[in-house]
PDB file of N, CA and C in Angstrom:
ATOM      1  N   MET A   1     -80.073 230.274-117.849  1.00  0.00           N
ATOM      2  CA  MET A   1     -79.946 228.831-117.980  1.00  0.00           C
ATOM      3  C   MET A   1     -79.232 228.230-116.759  1.00  0.00           C
ATOM      4  N   LYS A   2     -78.165 228.899-116.308  1.00  0.00           N
ATOM      5  CA  LYS A   2     -77.414 228.433-115.151  1.00  0.00           C
ATOM      6  C   LYS A   2     -78.280 228.494-113.895  1.00  0.00           C
ATOM      7  N   VAL A   3     -79.126 229.485-113.824  1.00  0.00           N
ATOM      8  CA  VAL A   3     -80.034 229.620-112.696  1.00  0.00           C
ATOM      9  C   VAL A   3     -81.009 228.451-112.628  1.00  0.00           C
ATOM     10  N   LYS A   4     -81.551 228.043-113.801  1.00  0.00           N
ATOM     11  CA  LYS A   4     -82.485 226.916-113.843  1.00  0.00           C
ATOM     12  C   LYS A   4     -81.794 225.629-113.409  1.00  0.00           C
ATOM     13  N   ILE A   5     -80.570 225.399-113.889  1.00  0.00           N
ATOM     14  CA  ILE A   5     -79.875 224.194-113.534  1.00  0.00           C
ATOM     15  C   ILE A   5     -79.584 224.182-112.011  1.00  0.00           C
ATOM     16  N   LEU A   6     -79.147 225.285-111.501  1.00  0.00           N
ATOM     17  CA  LEU A   6     -78.853 225.396-110.058  1.00  0.00           C
ATOM     18  C   LEU A   6     -80.173 225.174-109.269  1.00  0.00           C
ATOM     19  N   PHE A   7     -81.254 225.706-109.705  1.00  0.00           N
ATOM     20  CA  PHE A   7     -82.530 225.554-109.036  1.00  0.00           C
ATOM     21  C   PHE A   7     -82.928 224.050-109.026  1.00  0.00           C
ATOM     22  N   ILE A   8     -82.775 223.374-110.140  1.00  0.00           N
ATOM     23  CA  ILE A   8     -83.150 221.942-110.265  1.00  0.00           C
ATOM     24  C   ILE A   8     -82.236 221.138-109.334  1.00  0.00           C
ATOM     25  N   ILE A   9     -80.984 221.460-109.254  1.00  0.00           N
ATOM     26  CA  ILE A   9     -80.058 220.714-108.391  1.00  0.00           C
ATOM     27  C   ILE A   9     -80.466 220.916-106.936  1.00  0.00           C
ATOM     28  N   ILE A  10     -80.769 222.108-106.530  1.00  0.00           N
ATOM     29  CA  ILE A  10     -81.122 222.411-105.114  1.00  0.00           C
ATOM     30  C   ILE A  10     -82.445 221.690-104.769  1.00  0.00           C
ATOM     31  N   VAL A  11     -83.438 221.763-105.644  1.00  0.00           N
ATOM     32  CA  VAL A  11     -84.730 221.086-105.380  1.00  0.00           C
ATOM     33  C   VAL A  11     -84.513 219.570-105.287  1.00  0.00           C
ATOM     34  N   SER A  12     -83.704 219.038-106.174  1.00  0.00           N
ATOM     35  CA  SER A  12     -83.417 217.585-106.125  1.00  0.00           C
ATOM     36  C   SER A  12     -82.751 217.192-104.827  1.00  0.00           C
ATOM     37  N   LEU A  13     -81.769 217.946-104.409  1.00  0.00           N
ATOM     38  CA  LEU A  13     -81.100 217.633-103.127  1.00  0.00           C
ATOM     39  C   LEU A  13     -82.045 217.700-101.969  1.00  0.00           C
ATOM     40  N   LEU A  14     -82.868 218.705-101.931  1.00  0.00           N
ATOM     41  CA  LEU A  14     -83.832 218.801-100.839  1.00  0.00           C
ATOM     42  C   LEU A  14     -84.808 217.643-100.848  1.00  0.00           C
ATOM     43  N   TYR A  15     -85.288 217.272-102.011  1.00  0.00           N
ATOM     44  CA  TYR A  15     -86.223 216.158-102.108  1.00  0.00           C
ATOM     45  C   TYR A  15     -85.634 214.857-101.604  1.00  0.00           C
ATOM     46  N   PHE A  16     -84.419 214.526-102.098  1.00  0.00           N
ATOM     47  CA  PHE A  16     -83.799 213.266-101.730  1.00  0.00           C
ATOM     48  C   PHE A  16     -83.370 213.271-100.259  1.00  0.00           C
ATOM     49  N   SER A  17     -82.975 214.383 -99.738  1.00  0.00           N
ATOM     50  CA  SER A  17     -82.555 214.404 -98.326  1.00  0.00           C
ATOM     51  C   SER A  17     -83.784 214.182 -97.415  1.00  0.00           C
ATOM     52  N   CYS A  18     -84.904 214.758 -97.768  1.00  0.00           N
ATOM     53  CA  CYS A  18     -86.120 214.554 -96.978  1.00  0.00           C
ATOM     54  C   CYS A  18     -86.627 213.136 -97.088  1.00  0.00           C
ATOM     55  N   THR A  19     -86.566 212.563 -98.257  1.00  0.00           N
ATOM     56  CA  THR A  19     -87.059 211.196 -98.443  1.00  0.00           C
ATOM     57  C   THR A  19     -86.239 210.211 -97.613  1.00  0.00           C
ATOM     58  N   LYS A  20     -84.938 210.348 -97.629  1.00  0.00           N
ATOM     59  CA  LYS A  20     -84.103 209.410 -96.855  1.00  0.00           C
ATOM     60  C   LYS A  20     -84.314 209.577 -95.371  1.00  0.00           C
ATOM     61  N   GLU A  21     -84.501 210.787 -94.907  1.00  0.00           N
ATOM     62  CA  GLU A  21     -84.765 211.006 -93.501  1.00  0.00           C
ATOM     63  C   GLU A  21     -86.077 210.371 -93.047  1.00  0.00           C
ATOM     64  N   ASP A  22     -87.103 210.468 -93.878  1.00  0.00           N
ATOM     65  CA  ASP A  22     -88.406 209.853 -93.582  1.00  0.00           C
ATOM     66  C   ASP A  22     -88.239 208.306 -93.503  1.00  0.00           C
ATOM     67  N   GLU A  23     -87.485 207.746 -94.447  1.00  0.00           N
ATOM     68  CA  GLU A  23     -87.307 206.301 -94.444  1.00  0.00           C
ATOM     69  C   GLU A  23     -86.577 205.848 -93.213  1.00  0.00           C
ATOM     70  N   ILE A  24     -85.600 206.612 -92.772  1.00  0.00           N
ATOM     71  CA  ILE A  24     -84.805 206.229 -91.585  1.00  0.00           C
ATOM     72  C   ILE A  24     -85.696 206.225 -90.317  1.00  0.00           C
ATOM     73  N   ASN A  25     -86.654 207.117 -90.248  1.00  0.00           N
ATOM     74  CA  ASN A  25     -87.475 207.245 -89.083  1.00  0.00           C
ATOM     75  C   ASN A  25     -88.639 206.262 -89.047  1.00  0.00           C
ATOM     76  N   GLN A  26     -88.869 205.511 -90.117  1.00  0.00           N
ATOM     77  CA  GLN A  26     -89.979 204.579 -90.157  1.00  0.00           C
ATOM     78  C   GLN A  26     -89.671 203.354 -89.310  1.00  0.00           C
ATOM     79  N   SER A  27     -90.657 202.876 -88.608  1.00  0.00           N
ATOM     80  CA  SER A  27     -90.515 201.708 -87.728  1.00  0.00           C
ATOM     81  C   SER A  27     -90.385 200.417 -88.558  1.00  0.00           C
ATOM     82  N   ASN A  28     -89.517 199.485 -88.079  1.00  0.00           N
ATOM     83  CA  ASN A  28     -89.381 198.189 -88.726  1.00  0.00           C
ATOM     84  C   ASN A  28     -90.030 197.097 -87.896  1.00  0.00           C
ATOM     85  N   GLU A  29     -90.770 197.499 -86.836  1.00  0.00           N
ATOM     86  CA  GLU A  29     -91.424 196.511 -85.998  1.00  0.00           C
ATOM     87  C   GLU A  29     -92.708 195.970 -86.610  1.00  0.00           C
ATOM     88  N   ALA A  30     -92.773 194.662 -86.665  1.00  0.00           N
ATOM     89  CA  ALA A  30     -93.928 193.967 -87.213  1.00  0.00           C
ATOM     90  C   ALA A  30     -94.254 192.766 -86.318  1.00  0.00           C
ATOM     91  N   ASN A  31     -94.699 193.057 -85.127  1.00  0.00           N
ATOM     92  CA  ASN A  31     -94.931 192.009 -84.114  1.00  0.00           C
ATOM     93  C   ASN A  31     -96.376 191.813 -83.795  1.00  0.00           C
ATOM     94  N   LEU A  32     -96.756 190.592 -83.590  1.00  0.00           N
ATOM     95  CA  LEU A  32     -98.082 190.278 -83.054  1.00  0.00           C
ATOM     96  C   LEU A  32     -97.890 190.158 -81.572  1.00  0.00           C
ATOM     97  N   LEU A  33     -98.443 191.105 -80.800  1.00  0.00           N
ATOM     98  CA  LEU A  33     -98.231 191.180 -79.390  1.00  0.00           C
ATOM     99  C   LEU A  33     -99.227 190.372 -78.562  1.00  0.00           C
ATOM    100  N   LYS A  34    -100.428 190.270 -79.080  1.00  0.00           N
ATOM    101  CA  LYS A  34    -101.479 189.534 -78.366  1.00  0.00           C
ATOM    102  C   LYS A  34    -102.546 189.068 -79.323  1.00  0.00           C
ATOM    103  N   LEU A  35    -102.983 187.830 -79.170  1.00  0.00           N
ATOM    104  CA  LEU A  35    -104.058 187.263 -79.941  1.00  0.00           C
ATOM    105  C   LEU A  35    -104.914 186.392 -79.046  1.00  0.00           C
ATOM    106  N   GLU A  36    -106.207 186.646 -78.958  1.00  0.00           N
ATOM    107  CA  GLU A  36    -107.149 185.819 -78.237  1.00  0.00           C
ATOM    108  C   GLU A  36    -108.227 185.422 -79.226  1.00  0.00           C
ATOM    109  N   LEU A  37    -108.618 184.115 -79.141  1.00  0.00           N
ATOM    110  CA  LEU A  37    -109.637 183.583 -80.041  1.00  0.00           C
ATOM    111  C   LEU A  37    -110.850 183.202 -79.232  1.00  0.00           C
ATOM    112  N   GLU A  38    -112.014 183.191 -79.858  1.00  0.00           N
ATOM    113  CA  GLU A  38    -113.262 182.859 -79.171  1.00  0.00           C
ATOM    114  C   GLU A  38    -114.056 181.804 -79.900  1.00  0.00           C
ATOM    115  N   TYR A  39    -114.554 180.826 -79.109  1.00  0.00           N
ATOM    116  CA  TYR A  39    -115.412 179.776 -79.660  1.00  0.00           C
ATOM    117  C   TYR A  39    -116.506 179.507 -78.634  1.00  0.00           C
ATOM    118  N   GLU A  40    -117.775 179.661 -79.020  1.00  0.00           N
ATOM    119  CA  GLU A  40    -118.909 179.451 -78.172  1.00  0.00           C
ATOM    120  C   GLU A  40    -118.764 180.188 -76.824  1.00  0.00           C
ATOM    121  N   ASN A  41    -118.462 181.490 -76.911  1.00  0.00           N
ATOM    122  CA  ASN A  41    -118.340 182.360 -75.754  1.00  0.00           C
ATOM    123  C   ASN A  41    -117.220 182.029 -74.796  1.00  0.00           C
ATOM    124  N   VAL A  42    -116.288 181.188 -75.207  1.00  0.00           N
ATOM    125  CA  VAL A  42    -115.119 180.867 -74.407  1.00  0.00           C
ATOM    126  C   VAL A  42    -113.907 181.511 -75.100  1.00  0.00           C
ATOM    127  N   VAL A  43    -113.101 182.215 -74.353  1.00  0.00           N
ATOM    128  CA  VAL A  43    -111.923 182.898 -74.915  1.00  0.00           C
ATOM    129  C   VAL A  43    -110.704 182.008 -74.705  1.00  0.00           C
ATOM    130  N   TYR A  44    -109.948 181.810 -75.790  1.00  0.00           N
ATOM    131  CA  TYR A  44    -108.770 180.972 -75.764  1.00  0.00           C
ATOM    132  C   TYR A  44    -107.520 181.875 -75.931  1.00  0.00           C
ATOM    133  N   GLN A  45    -106.610 181.715 -74.971  1.00  0.00           N
ATOM    134  CA  GLN A  45    -105.373 182.504 -74.935  1.00  0.00           C
ATOM    135  C   GLN A  45    -104.340 181.808 -75.861  1.00  0.00           C
ATOM    136  N   THR A  46    -103.417 182.621 -76.362  1.00  0.00           N
ATOM    137  CA  THR A  46    -102.360 182.076 -77.202  1.00  0.00           C
ATOM    138  C   THR A  46    -101.025 182.626 -76.754  1.00  0.00           C
ATOM    139  N   THR A  47     -99.964 181.939 -77.169  1.00  0.00           N
ATOM    140  CA  THR A  47     -98.600 182.520 -77.010  1.00  0.00           C
ATOM    141  C   THR A  47     -98.125 182.744 -78.453  1.00  0.00           C
ATOM    142  N   VAL A  48     -97.363 183.764 -78.624  1.00  0.00           N
ATOM    143  CA  VAL A  48     -96.861 184.157 -79.947  1.00  0.00           C
ATOM    144  C   VAL A  48     -95.341 184.276 -79.890  1.00  0.00           C
ATOM    145  N   ASN A  49     -94.651 183.572 -80.818  1.00  0.00           N
ATOM    146  CA  ASN A  49     -93.217 183.801 -80.937  1.00  0.00           C
ATOM    147  C   ASN A  49     -92.967 184.379 -82.345  1.00  0.00           C
ATOM    148  N   GLU A  50     -91.754 184.401 -82.797  1.00  0.00           N
ATOM    149  CA  GLU A  50     -91.462 185.057 -84.070  1.00  0.00           C
ATOM    150  C   GLU A  50     -92.203 184.493 -85.259  1.00  0.00           C
ATOM    151  N   THR A  51     -92.487 183.160 -85.242  1.00  0.00           N
ATOM    152  CA  THR A  51     -93.048 182.541 -86.455  1.00  0.00           C
ATOM    153  C   THR A  51     -94.324 181.747 -86.214  1.00  0.00           C
ATOM    154  N   ASN A  52     -94.661 181.464 -84.913  1.00  0.00           N
ATOM    155  CA  ASN A  52     -95.798 180.580 -84.643  1.00  0.00           C
ATOM    156  C   ASN A  52     -96.696 181.125 -83.553  1.00  0.00           C
ATOM    157  N   ILE A  53     -97.937 180.753 -83.641  1.00  0.00           N
ATOM    158  CA  ILE A  53     -98.955 181.068 -82.588  1.00  0.00           C
ATOM    159  C   ILE A  53     -99.391 179.701 -82.024  1.00  0.00           C
ATOM    160  N   THR A  54     -99.406 179.594 -80.727  1.00  0.00           N
ATOM    161  CA  THR A  54     -99.777 178.362 -80.086  1.00  0.00           C
ATOM    162  C   THR A  54    -100.916 178.619 -79.062  1.00  0.00           C
ATOM    163  N   LEU A  55    -101.934 177.788 -79.141  1.00  0.00           N
ATOM    164  CA  LEU A  55    -103.032 177.901 -78.161  1.00  0.00           C
ATOM    165  C   LEU A  55    -102.563 177.350 -76.827  1.00  0.00           C
ATOM    166  N   LEU A  56    -102.936 178.001 -75.736  1.00  0.00           N
ATOM    167  CA  LEU A  56    -102.596 177.507 -74.399  1.00  0.00           C
ATOM    168  C   LEU A  56    -103.508 176.362 -73.985  1.00  0.00           C
ATOM    169  N   GLU A  57    -104.652 176.270 -74.567  1.00  0.00           N
ATOM    170  CA  GLU A  57    -105.620 175.199 -74.294  1.00  0.00           C
ATOM    171  C   GLU A  57    -106.194 174.761 -75.661  1.00  0.00           C
ATOM    172  N   LYS A  58    -106.319 173.465 -75.837  1.00  0.00           N
ATOM    173  CA  LYS A  58    -106.870 172.917 -77.098  1.00  0.00           C
ATOM    174  C   LYS A  58    -108.359 173.285 -77.268  1.00  0.00           C
ATOM    175  N   LEU A  59    -108.734 173.462 -78.491  1.00  0.00           N
ATOM    176  CA  LEU A  59    -110.138 173.737 -78.831  1.00  0.00           C
ATOM    177  C   LEU A  59    -110.949 172.449 -78.754  1.00  0.00           C
ATOM    178  N   PRO A  60    -112.271 172.511 -78.558  1.00  0.00           N
ATOM    179  CA  PRO A  60    -113.096 171.313 -78.628  1.00  0.00           C
ATOM    180  C   PRO A  60    -112.957 170.645 -79.982  1.00  0.00           C
ATOM    181  N   PHE A  61    -113.112 169.339 -79.994  1.00  0.00           N
ATOM    182  CA  PHE A  61    -112.919 168.557 -81.211  1.00  0.00           C
ATOM    183  C   PHE A  61    -113.799 169.024 -82.382  1.00  0.00           C
ATOM    184  N   GLU A  62    -115.055 169.418 -82.069  1.00  0.00           N
ATOM    185  CA  GLU A  62    -116.009 169.775 -83.136  1.00  0.00           C
ATOM    186  C   GLU A  62    -115.786 171.207 -83.677  1.00  0.00           C
ATOM    187  N   THR A  63    -114.828 171.938 -83.211  1.00  0.00           N
ATOM    188  CA  THR A  63    -114.626 173.292 -83.643  1.00  0.00           C
ATOM    189  C   THR A  63    -114.289 173.388 -85.129  1.00  0.00           C
ATOM    190  N   GLN A  64    -115.078 174.178 -85.879  1.00  0.00           N
ATOM    191  CA  GLN A  64    -114.844 174.374 -87.309  1.00  0.00           C
ATOM    192  C   GLN A  64    -114.275 175.778 -87.574  1.00  0.00           C
ATOM    193  N   GLU A  65    -114.631 176.734 -86.718  1.00  0.00           N
ATOM    194  CA  GLU A  65    -114.121 178.098 -86.883  1.00  0.00           C
ATOM    195  C   GLU A  65    -114.101 178.793 -85.516  1.00  0.00           C
ATOM    196  N   VAL A  66    -113.202 179.738 -85.412  1.00  0.00           N
ATOM    197  CA  VAL A  66    -113.104 180.588 -84.246  1.00  0.00           C
ATOM    198  C   VAL A  66    -113.085 182.030 -84.699  1.00  0.00           C
ATOM    199  N   SER A  67    -113.410 182.940 -83.776  1.00  0.00           N
ATOM    200  CA  SER A  67    -113.362 184.343 -84.162  1.00  0.00           C
ATOM    201  C   SER A  67    -112.209 184.997 -83.369  1.00  0.00           C
ATOM    202  N   ILE A  68    -111.676 186.076 -83.934  1.00  0.00           N
ATOM    203  CA  ILE A  68    -110.637 186.832 -83.237  1.00  0.00           C
ATOM    204  C   ILE A  68    -111.286 187.754 -82.234  1.00  0.00           C
ATOM    205  N   LYS A  69    -110.955 187.558 -80.997  1.00  0.00           N
ATOM    206  CA  LYS A  69    -111.540 188.347 -79.882  1.00  0.00           C
ATOM    207  C   LYS A  69    -110.671 189.572 -79.582  1.00  0.00           C
ATOM    208  N   THR A  70    -109.348 189.344 -79.485  1.00  0.00           N
ATOM    209  CA  THR A  70    -108.383 190.393 -79.169  1.00  0.00           C
ATOM    210  C   THR A  70    -107.209 190.303 -80.108  1.00  0.00           C
ATOM    211  N   LEU A  71    -106.769 191.472 -80.585  1.00  0.00           N
ATOM    212  CA  LEU A  71    -105.650 191.509 -81.538  1.00  0.00           C
ATOM    213  C   LEU A  71    -104.843 192.780 -81.240  1.00  0.00           C
ATOM    214  N   GLN A  72    -103.569 192.578 -80.916  1.00  0.00           N
ATOM    215  CA  GLN A  72    -102.704 193.730 -80.677  1.00  0.00           C
ATOM    216  C   GLN A  72    -101.377 193.530 -81.411  1.00  0.00           C
ATOM    217  N   ILE A  73    -100.986 194.550 -82.169  1.00  0.00           N
ATOM    218  CA  ILE A  73     -99.752 194.504 -82.955  1.00  0.00           C
ATOM    219  C   ILE A  73     -98.863 195.703 -82.656  1.00  0.00           C
ATOM    220  N   SER A  74     -97.666 195.704 -83.201  1.00  0.00           N
ATOM    221  CA  SER A  74     -96.753 196.845 -83.031  1.00  0.00           C
ATOM    222  C   SER A  74     -97.364 198.131 -83.495  1.00  0.00           C
ATOM    223  N   ASP A  75     -96.985 199.234 -82.836  1.00  0.00           N
ATOM    224  CA  ASP A  75     -97.410 200.564 -83.302  1.00  0.00           C
ATOM    225  C   ASP A  75     -97.017 200.766 -84.752  1.00  0.00           C
ATOM    226  N   LYS A  76     -97.861 201.427 -85.500  1.00  0.00           N
ATOM    227  CA  LYS A  76     -97.623 201.787 -86.899  1.00  0.00           C
ATOM    228  C   LYS A  76     -97.539 200.627 -87.871  1.00  0.00           C
ATOM    229  N   ALA A  77     -97.784 199.405 -87.368  1.00  0.00           N
ATOM    230  CA  ALA A  77     -97.823 198.225 -88.248  1.00  0.00           C
ATOM    231  C   ALA A  77     -99.269 197.980 -88.669  1.00  0.00           C
ATOM    232  N   THR A  78     -99.428 197.187 -89.734  1.00  0.00           N
ATOM    233  CA  THR A  78    -100.748 196.777 -90.211  1.00  0.00           C
ATOM    234  C   THR A  78    -100.792 195.236 -90.252  1.00  0.00           C
ATOM    235  N   ILE A  79    -102.019 194.694 -90.236  1.00  0.00           N
ATOM    236  CA  ILE A  79    -102.196 193.279 -90.237  1.00  0.00           C
ATOM    237  C   ILE A  79    -103.337 192.886 -91.186  1.00  0.00           C
ATOM    238  N   ASN A  80    -103.302 191.675 -91.704  1.00  0.00           N
ATOM    239  CA  ASN A  80    -104.310 191.207 -92.644  1.00  0.00           C
ATOM    240  C   ASN A  80    -105.520 190.573 -91.999  1.00  0.00           C
ATOM    241  N   LYS A  81    -105.652 190.727 -90.668  1.00  0.00           N
ATOM    242  CA  LYS A  81    -106.830 190.233 -89.919  1.00  0.00           C
ATOM    243  C   LYS A  81    -107.385 191.361 -89.091  1.00  0.00           C
ATOM    244  N   GLU A  82    -108.670 191.189 -88.643  1.00  0.00           N
ATOM    245  CA  GLU A  82    -109.307 192.159 -87.801  1.00  0.00           C
ATOM    246  C   GLU A  82    -110.060 191.462 -86.684  1.00  0.00           C
ATOM    247  N   ILE A  83    -110.380 192.192 -85.640  1.00  0.00           N
ATOM    248  CA  ILE A  83    -111.214 191.633 -84.567  1.00  0.00           C
ATOM    249  C   ILE A  83    -112.578 191.228 -85.197  1.00  0.00           C
ATOM    250  N   ASP A  84    -113.055 190.097 -84.751  1.00  0.00           N
ATOM    251  CA  ASP A  84    -114.297 189.455 -85.227  1.00  0.00           C
ATOM    252  C   ASP A  84    -114.140 188.695 -86.522  1.00  0.00           C
ATOM    253  N   ASN A  85    -112.968 188.698 -87.150  1.00  0.00           N
ATOM    254  CA  ASN A  85    -112.757 187.856 -88.330  1.00  0.00           C
ATOM    255  C   ASN A  85    -112.905 186.410 -87.896  1.00  0.00           C
ATOM    256  N   LYS A  86    -113.426 185.563 -88.781  1.00  0.00           N
ATOM    257  CA  LYS A  86    -113.559 184.153 -88.563  1.00  0.00           C
ATOM    258  C   LYS A  86    -112.360 183.460 -89.155  1.00  0.00           C
ATOM    259  N   LEU A  87    -111.778 182.535 -88.381  1.00  0.00           N
ATOM    260  CA  LEU A  87    -110.689 181.674 -88.855  1.00  0.00           C
ATOM    261  C   LEU A  87    -111.177 180.240 -88.977  1.00  0.00           C
ATOM    262  N   GLN A  88    -110.995 179.652 -90.129  1.00  0.00           N
ATOM    263  CA  GLN A  88    -111.385 178.269 -90.355  1.00  0.00           C
ATOM    264  C   GLN A  88    -110.397 177.342 -89.761  1.00  0.00           C
ATOM    265  N   ILE A  89    -110.869 176.425 -88.942  1.00  0.00           N
ATOM    266  CA  ILE A  89    -110.004 175.462 -88.290  1.00  0.00           C
ATOM    267  C   ILE A  89    -109.927 174.203 -89.124  1.00  0.00           C
ATOM    268  N   GLY A  90    -108.752 173.810 -89.466  1.00  0.00           N
ATOM    269  CA  GLY A  90    -108.541 172.602 -90.303  1.00  0.00           C
ATOM    270  C   GLY A  90    -107.126 172.084 -90.137  1.00  0.00           C
ATOM    271  N   ASN A  91    -106.679 171.404 -91.170  1.00  0.00           N
ATOM    272  CA  ASN A  91    -105.323 170.804 -91.120  1.00  0.00           C
ATOM    273  C   ASN A  91    -104.257 171.726 -91.606  1.00  0.00           C
ATOM    274  N   SER A  92    -104.586 172.753 -92.335  1.00  0.00           N
ATOM    275  CA  SER A  92    -103.651 173.717 -92.862  1.00  0.00           C
ATOM    276  C   SER A  92    -103.408 174.842 -91.897  1.00  0.00           C
ATOM    277  N   PRO A  93    -102.185 175.402 -91.896  1.00  0.00           N
ATOM    278  CA  PRO A  93    -101.964 176.536 -90.990  1.00  0.00           C
ATOM    279  C   PRO A  93    -102.706 177.790 -91.530  1.00  0.00           C
ATOM    280  N   ILE A  94    -103.035 178.649 -90.619  1.00  0.00           N
ATOM    281  CA  ILE A  94    -103.607 179.957 -90.970  1.00  0.00           C
ATOM    282  C   ILE A  94    -102.438 180.944 -90.940  1.00  0.00           C
ATOM    283  N   LEU A  95    -102.293 181.675 -92.045  1.00  0.00           N
ATOM    284  CA  LEU A  95    -101.151 182.627 -92.130  1.00  0.00           C
ATOM    285  C   LEU A  95    -101.648 184.001 -91.778  1.00  0.00           C
ATOM    286  N   ILE A  96    -100.932 184.631 -90.854  1.00  0.00           N
ATOM    287  CA  ILE A  96    -101.212 185.999 -90.441  1.00  0.00           C
ATOM    288  C   ILE A  96    -100.031 186.836 -90.837  1.00  0.00           C
ATOM    289  N   GLU A  97    -100.271 187.873 -91.653  1.00  0.00           N
ATOM    290  CA  GLU A  97     -99.192 188.703 -92.179  1.00  0.00           C
ATOM    291  C   GLU A  97     -99.262 190.077 -91.509  1.00  0.00           C
ATOM    292  N   ILE A  98     -98.104 190.508 -90.997  1.00  0.00           N
ATOM    293  CA  ILE A  98     -97.976 191.824 -90.384  1.00  0.00           C
ATOM    294  C   ILE A  98     -96.952 192.599 -91.211  1.00  0.00           C
ATOM    295  N   ILE A  99     -97.278 193.858 -91.464  1.00  0.00           N
ATOM    296  CA  ILE A  99     -96.372 194.699 -92.242  1.00  0.00           C
ATOM    297  C   ILE A  99     -95.994 195.929 -91.408  1.00  0.00           C
ATOM    298  N   ALA A 100     -94.674 196.105 -91.237  1.00  0.00           N
ATOM    299  CA  ALA A 100     -94.165 197.222 -90.490  1.00  0.00           C
ATOM    300  C   ALA A 100     -94.323 198.525 -91.276  1.00  0.00           C
ATOM    301  N   GLU A 101     -94.188 199.629 -90.605  1.00  0.00           N
ATOM    302  CA  GLU A 101     -94.344 200.931 -91.276  1.00  0.00           C
ATOM    303  C   GLU A 101     -93.393 201.120 -92.454  1.00  0.00           C
ATOM    304  N   ASN A 102     -92.201 200.511 -92.351  1.00  0.00           N
ATOM    305  CA  ASN A 102     -91.210 200.689 -93.458  1.00  0.00           C
ATOM    306  C   ASN A 102     -91.419 199.619 -94.568  1.00  0.00           C
ATOM    307  N   GLY A 103     -92.417 198.795 -94.449  1.00  0.00           N
ATOM    308  CA  GLY A 103     -92.738 197.788 -95.480  1.00  0.00           C
ATOM    309  C   GLY A 103     -92.220 196.402 -95.201  1.00  0.00           C
ATOM    310  N   ASP A 104     -91.413 196.231 -94.181  1.00  0.00           N
ATOM    311  CA  ASP A 104     -90.943 194.876 -93.798  1.00  0.00           C
ATOM    312  C   ASP A 104     -92.125 194.011 -93.447  1.00  0.00           C
ATOM    313  N   LYS A 105     -92.123 192.775 -93.944  1.00  0.00           N
ATOM    314  CA  LYS A 105     -93.253 191.863 -93.700  1.00  0.00           C
ATOM    315  C   LYS A 105     -92.826 190.691 -92.848  1.00  0.00           C
ATOM    316  N   LYS A 106     -93.806 190.218 -92.051  1.00  0.00           N
ATOM    317  CA  LYS A 106     -93.562 189.023 -91.211  1.00  0.00           C
ATOM    318  C   LYS A 106     -94.826 188.200 -91.323  1.00  0.00           C
ATOM    319  N   THR A 107     -94.642 186.913 -91.558  1.00  0.00           N
ATOM    320  CA  THR A 107     -95.749 185.916 -91.572  1.00  0.00           C
ATOM    321  C   THR A 107     -95.626 185.013 -90.355  1.00  0.00           C
ATOM    322  N   ILE A 108     -96.751 184.891 -89.661  1.00  0.00           N
ATOM    323  CA  ILE A 108     -96.837 184.027 -88.491  1.00  0.00           C
ATOM    324  C   ILE A 108     -97.870 182.958 -88.760  1.00  0.00           C
ATOM    325  N   ASN A 109     -97.507 181.712 -88.424  1.00  0.00           N
ATOM    326  CA  ASN A 109     -98.375 180.544 -88.652  1.00  0.00           C
ATOM    327  C   ASN A 109     -99.163 180.178 -87.429  1.00  0.00           C
ATOM    328  N   PHE A 110    -100.474 179.934 -87.635  1.00  0.00           N
ATOM    329  CA  PHE A 110    -101.319 179.430 -86.531  1.00  0.00           C
ATOM    330  C   PHE A 110    -101.770 178.040 -86.924  1.00  0.00           C
ATOM    331  N   PHE A 111    -101.329 177.055 -86.185  1.00  0.00           N
ATOM    332  CA  PHE A 111    -101.743 175.654 -86.365  1.00  0.00           C
ATOM    333  C   PHE A 111    -102.798 175.384 -85.296  1.00  0.00           C
ATOM    334  N   SER A 112    -104.028 175.081 -85.682  1.00  0.00           N
ATOM    335  CA  SER A 112    -105.060 174.829 -84.691  1.00  0.00           C
ATOM    336  C   SER A 112    -104.798 173.503 -83.978  1.00  0.00           C
ATOM    337  N   GLN A 113    -105.224 173.479 -82.741  1.00  0.00           N
ATOM    338  CA  GLN A 113    -105.058 172.308 -81.910  1.00  0.00           C
ATOM    339  C   GLN A 113    -106.415 171.973 -81.306  1.00  0.00           C
ATOM    340  N   ARG A 114    -106.937 170.775 -81.627  1.00  0.00           N
ATOM    341  CA  ARG A 114    -108.234 170.361 -81.107  1.00  0.00           C
ATOM    342  C   ARG A 114    -108.095 169.153 -80.214  1.00  0.00           C
ATOM    343  N   LYS A 115    -108.975 169.044 -79.223  1.00  0.00           N
ATOM    344  CA  LYS A 115    -109.023 167.839 -78.393  1.00  0.00           C
ATOM    345  C   LYS A 115    -109.431 166.668 -79.229  1.00  0.00           C
ATOM    346  N   LYS A 116    -108.931 165.501 -78.886  1.00  0.00           N
ATOM    347  CA  LYS A 116    -109.281 164.280 -79.607  1.00  0.00           C
ATOM    348  C   LYS A 116    -110.416 163.592 -78.957  1.00  0.00           C
TER     349      LYS A 116
END
């Protein structure tokens, strides 16, 4: 009986020590490094800060949707968008969510800007 209890304690300690080590080594980076959008074969560059995406040049007034041409995020992070996804241009912001390897989430807002 004492051997079983000792075995359970040792296995538990090994399990929890490995789990904590894995969590410590997981990346907390959830950054959008680059985003380029395309409309009618024209590529539009953006700047990205912690919470917002800004177009460097306004889209034509008639633009209803754009596609994602280039997308680059932090290593080991995931994102809720993909290259060639269509983004509907309107009055509401488009939310882009990035999840770091350790589960930390970041939401970045894209407000479209069209020429008048």
